[in-house]
Amino acid sequence: MHSVSSALLYGILDTGYCEPAAMPVMLRAMLAGGVGMVQLRAKDLPIDRILELSRELHRISHPDRIPFIINDHPQLVSEAGVEGAHVGQDDMSVAEARALAGAGRIIGLSTHSVDQAVAATDEKPDYIGFGPLFATPTKPDYQPIGIEDIREVHRRVSLPVFCIGGIKKENLSAVLTAGARRAVIVSGILTAADPAAYSGDCLRLLQTSV
C-alpha cells in the first residue's frame, strides 16, 4: 500500500462535478496521471449508494495500491473494504472516526486555520487538509484563508498537510512557492479536457518542489 506520506497529489471524486456513472472512467484517468490518494465526496447520495459506489471504485484503485478515502462516513470503511475516511471539524473526533472505521485505517481531518491544524496534532489523524486557500464552490460556506499561513502550518505541524480549496494547475506554483508540499485538486481535474494529462502536469509541479 502506498502511504499517505508518499502521496503528493490528492484527487477527489466529487458528485458536484462528476456523475457517479462517470466516476470509474474518471478514476482511471486520475490514476494514470499519478494521483497518490483519492477520495469519494458524495454529499448528495444516500448512504447505501455511497457504500455501493465505494466498493465499485475501490476495485479500480486497489490494484494500484492507492489509498481510497470516503468523505464523512467512517462507519462504511470496513464494510466497503476501503483504506480510510475523512472527517470535518464539526463531524466527530478522530478517535470516534477510528473506532467506526476499524483498526489500521487512515483517518484525515479538515482544518481551516493554523490553530486548528496545531490542535489537530493532539487528535493524531493520519493527515490534515488545510484550507480552503481560495474561494471554491465545493465549500461555499468557508472563507478562503489565503496562502500566507502555509509555511507556518508546515513549521508547526509534523503530520502530512494537504493544502486544499480552489487549487488548480494555474495557481499551483504559487501555492508551492508559499510552502506547500501536497495538494488536493478537485474541479481542475474533474473538469479538464484530459484529466490524466492535467493530473500528470500537477504531479510534476509537486515533484519539482519537494
Protein backbone atom coordinates (compact mmCIF):
# COMPACT_ATOMS: atom_id res chain seq x y z
CA MET A 1 0.00 0.00 0.00
CA HIS A 2 1.26 3.46 -0.87
CA SER A 3 1.39 5.50 2.30
CA VAL A 4 -0.24 8.85 2.95
CA SER A 5 3.19 10.40 3.43
CA SER A 6 4.29 9.38 -0.06
CA ALA A 7 1.23 10.96 -1.72
CA LEU A 8 1.69 14.43 -3.22
CA LEU A 9 -1.46 14.83 -5.31
CA TYR A 10 -4.82 14.02 -3.74
CA GLY A 11 -7.80 13.77 -6.07
CA ILE A 12 -11.46 13.91 -5.07
CA LEU A 13 -14.30 12.31 -6.97
CA ASP A 14 -16.99 14.87 -6.13
CA THR A 15 -20.57 14.32 -7.23
CA GLY A 16 -20.86 18.09 -7.65
CA TYR A 17 -18.62 17.80 -10.72
CA CYS A 18 -18.74 14.16 -11.73
CA GLU A 19 -21.79 11.93 -12.00
CA PRO A 20 -21.38 8.55 -10.28
CA ALA A 21 -21.71 6.76 -13.62
CA ALA A 22 -18.71 8.71 -14.94
CA MET A 23 -16.52 8.10 -11.90
CA PRO A 24 -14.91 4.79 -12.95
CA VAL A 25 -13.55 6.35 -16.15
CA MET A 26 -12.51 9.50 -14.25
CA LEU A 27 -10.75 7.46 -11.56
CA ARG A 28 -8.77 5.51 -14.16
CA ALA A 29 -7.68 8.81 -15.70
CA MET A 30 -6.65 10.19 -12.31
CA LEU A 31 -4.62 7.09 -11.53
CA ALA A 32 -2.98 7.26 -14.96
CA GLY A 33 -1.98 10.83 -14.16
CA GLY A 34 -0.31 9.85 -10.90
CA VAL A 35 -2.84 10.81 -8.23
CA GLY A 36 -1.49 9.32 -4.99
CA MET A 37 -4.69 9.35 -2.94
CA VAL A 38 -8.35 9.52 -3.92
CA GLN A 39 -11.49 10.43 -2.02
CA LEU A 40 -15.17 9.93 -2.75
CA ARG A 41 -17.16 13.00 -1.78
CA ALA A 42 -20.86 12.35 -2.36
CA LYS A 43 -22.81 14.80 -0.23
CA ASP A 44 -26.00 14.26 -2.23
CA LEU A 45 -26.12 10.45 -2.34
CA PRO A 46 -27.90 8.13 0.09
CA ILE A 47 -25.60 6.12 2.28
CA ASP A 48 -26.34 2.77 0.63
CA ARG A 49 -25.36 4.24 -2.74
CA ILE A 50 -22.13 5.64 -1.26
CA LEU A 51 -21.29 2.15 0.00
CA GLU A 52 -22.03 0.58 -3.36
CA LEU A 53 -20.07 3.22 -5.27
CA SER A 54 -17.11 2.98 -2.88
CA ARG A 55 -16.86 -0.75 -3.48
CA GLU A 56 -17.05 -0.29 -7.24
CA LEU A 57 -14.39 2.42 -7.32
CA HIS A 58 -12.12 0.65 -4.84
CA ARG A 59 -11.86 -2.27 -7.23
CA ILE A 60 -10.22 0.18 -9.64
CA SER A 61 -7.87 1.92 -7.20
CA HIS A 62 -6.83 -1.12 -5.19
CA PRO A 63 -4.59 -2.77 -7.84
CA ASP A 64 -2.61 0.50 -7.99
CA ARG A 65 -2.31 0.42 -4.18
CA ILE A 66 -3.69 3.94 -3.93
CA PRO A 67 -5.45 4.78 -0.64
CA PHE A 68 -9.19 5.22 -1.19
CA ILE A 69 -10.90 7.52 1.31
CA ILE A 70 -14.61 8.02 1.96
CA ASN A 71 -15.68 11.53 2.95
CA ASP A 72 -17.83 11.81 6.09
CA HIS A 73 -18.78 8.15 6.65
CA PRO A 74 -16.14 6.21 8.62
CA GLN A 75 -18.79 3.63 9.52
CA LEU A 76 -18.70 2.49 5.87
CA VAL A 77 -14.95 1.97 5.66
CA SER A 78 -14.72 -1.60 6.87
CA GLU A 79 -17.85 -2.76 5.02
CA ALA A 80 -16.68 -1.13 1.78
CA GLY A 81 -13.18 -2.54 2.21
CA VAL A 82 -11.56 0.85 1.57
CA GLU A 83 -8.50 2.34 3.23
CA GLY A 84 -9.98 5.16 5.27
CA ALA A 85 -12.26 8.13 5.87
CA HIS A 86 -12.04 11.90 6.07
CA VAL A 87 -13.96 13.96 8.63
CA GLY A 88 -14.54 17.66 9.13
CA GLN A 89 -14.14 19.81 12.21
CA ASP A 90 -17.83 19.52 13.10
CA ASP A 91 -18.39 15.86 12.22
CA MET A 92 -16.82 13.82 15.03
CA SER A 93 -13.49 13.36 16.75
CA VAL A 94 -10.66 11.48 15.07
CA ALA A 95 -10.92 8.88 17.85
CA GLU A 96 -14.61 8.32 17.09
CA ALA A 97 -13.86 8.04 13.39
CA ARG A 98 -11.11 5.50 14.08
CA ALA A 99 -13.45 3.43 16.25
CA LEU A 100 -16.02 3.35 13.45
CA ALA A 101 -13.56 2.76 10.61
CA GLY A 102 -11.65 -0.05 12.28
CA ALA A 103 -8.06 -0.74 13.20
CA GLY A 104 -5.32 0.27 10.82
CA ARG A 105 -7.48 2.56 8.68
CA ILE A 106 -6.50 6.04 7.52
CA ILE A 107 -8.31 8.99 9.08
CA GLY A 108 -7.96 12.50 7.69
CA LEU A 109 -9.19 15.72 9.31
CA SER A 110 -10.08 19.08 7.77
CA THR A 111 -8.54 22.19 9.35
CA HIS A 112 -9.22 25.81 8.49
CA SER A 113 -6.55 27.74 10.42
CA VAL A 114 -3.08 27.29 11.86
CA ASP A 115 -4.61 26.99 15.34
CA GLN A 116 -6.94 24.19 14.21
CA ALA A 117 -4.06 22.44 12.46
CA VAL A 118 -1.90 22.59 15.57
CA ALA A 119 -4.79 21.40 17.75
CA ALA A 120 -5.34 18.52 15.34
CA THR A 121 -1.97 17.02 16.18
CA ASP A 122 -3.34 16.04 19.60
CA GLU A 123 -6.07 14.02 17.87
CA LYS A 124 -3.44 12.19 15.80
CA PRO A 125 -5.11 11.94 12.39
CA ASP A 126 -3.01 10.38 9.64
CA TYR A 127 -3.08 13.65 7.70
CA ILE A 128 -4.82 17.01 7.68
CA GLY A 129 -6.41 19.07 4.97
CA PHE A 130 -5.56 22.78 5.28
CA GLY A 131 -7.81 25.32 3.61
CA PRO A 132 -9.73 26.42 1.72
CA LEU A 133 -6.88 28.52 0.37
CA PHE A 134 -9.04 30.13 -2.30
CA ALA A 135 -12.77 30.59 -2.79
CA THR A 136 -14.27 27.33 -4.02
CA PRO A 137 -17.80 26.25 -4.96
CA THR A 138 -17.30 22.97 -3.11
CA LYS A 139 -17.03 24.87 0.20
CA PRO A 140 -19.21 27.98 -0.26
CA ASP A 141 -19.68 28.47 3.50
CA TYR A 142 -15.97 28.79 4.23
CA GLN A 143 -13.98 32.00 3.96
CA PRO A 144 -10.78 31.40 1.98
CA ILE A 145 -7.76 31.63 4.24
CA GLY A 146 -5.16 32.51 1.61
CA ILE A 147 -1.66 31.15 1.22
CA GLU A 148 0.19 33.24 3.83
CA ASP A 149 -0.01 30.62 6.60
CA ILE A 150 1.14 27.61 4.58
CA ARG A 151 4.77 27.83 5.67
CA GLU A 152 3.76 28.36 9.29
CA VAL A 153 1.48 25.32 9.38
CA HIS A 154 4.27 23.14 7.98
CA ARG A 155 6.66 24.54 10.58
CA ARG A 156 4.32 23.73 13.45
CA VAL A 157 2.65 20.51 12.30
CA SER A 158 4.58 17.32 11.59
CA LEU A 159 1.64 15.47 10.03
CA PRO A 160 1.27 15.31 6.25
CA VAL A 161 -0.50 18.54 5.26
CA PHE A 162 -2.62 18.60 2.11
CA CYS A 163 -3.47 22.13 1.03
CA ILE A 164 -6.98 22.34 -0.39
CA GLY A 165 -9.55 24.74 -1.74
CA GLY A 166 -9.61 26.27 -5.19
CA ILE A 167 -6.19 24.91 -6.14
CA LYS A 168 -5.74 24.41 -9.86
CA LYS A 169 -2.82 23.89 -12.19
CA GLU A 170 -2.79 27.63 -12.88
CA ASN A 171 -2.19 28.64 -9.24
CA LEU A 172 -0.36 25.53 -8.00
CA SER A 173 3.09 27.08 -8.49
CA ALA A 174 2.14 30.00 -6.23
CA VAL A 175 0.84 27.58 -3.59
CA LEU A 176 4.08 25.61 -3.74
CA THR A 177 6.18 28.77 -3.57
CA ALA A 178 4.25 29.66 -0.40
CA GLY A 179 5.49 26.41 1.19
CA ALA A 180 3.00 23.69 0.27
CA ARG A 181 4.27 20.16 -0.29
CA ARG A 182 1.00 18.37 -1.07
CA ALA A 183 -2.21 19.48 -2.72
CA VAL A 184 -5.82 18.42 -3.16
CA ILE A 185 -7.23 19.30 -6.57
CA VAL A 186 -10.92 18.80 -7.29
CA SER A 187 -12.62 20.78 -10.06
CA GLY A 188 -9.41 21.36 -12.02
CA ILE A 189 -9.03 17.63 -12.61
CA LEU A 190 -12.73 16.77 -12.88
CA THR A 191 -13.46 19.46 -15.49
CA ALA A 192 -10.24 19.07 -17.50
CA ALA A 193 -10.46 18.06 -21.16
CA ASP A 194 -7.81 15.42 -20.40
CA PRO A 195 -7.89 14.60 -16.66
CA ALA A 196 -4.92 12.22 -16.90
CA ALA A 197 -2.68 14.81 -18.56
CA TYR A 198 -3.89 17.52 -16.17
CA SER A 199 -3.15 15.34 -13.14
CA GLY A 200 0.27 14.50 -14.56
CA ASP A 201 1.11 18.17 -15.05
CA CYS A 202 0.11 18.93 -11.44
CA LEU A 203 2.09 15.99 -10.10
CA ARG A 204 5.23 17.13 -11.94
CA LEU A 205 4.90 20.57 -10.37
CA LEU A 206 4.58 18.97 -6.94
CA GLN A 207 7.54 16.66 -7.54
CA THR A 208 9.83 19.51 -8.57
CA SER A 209 9.03 21.38 -5.36
CA VAL A 210 9.77 18.54 -2.94
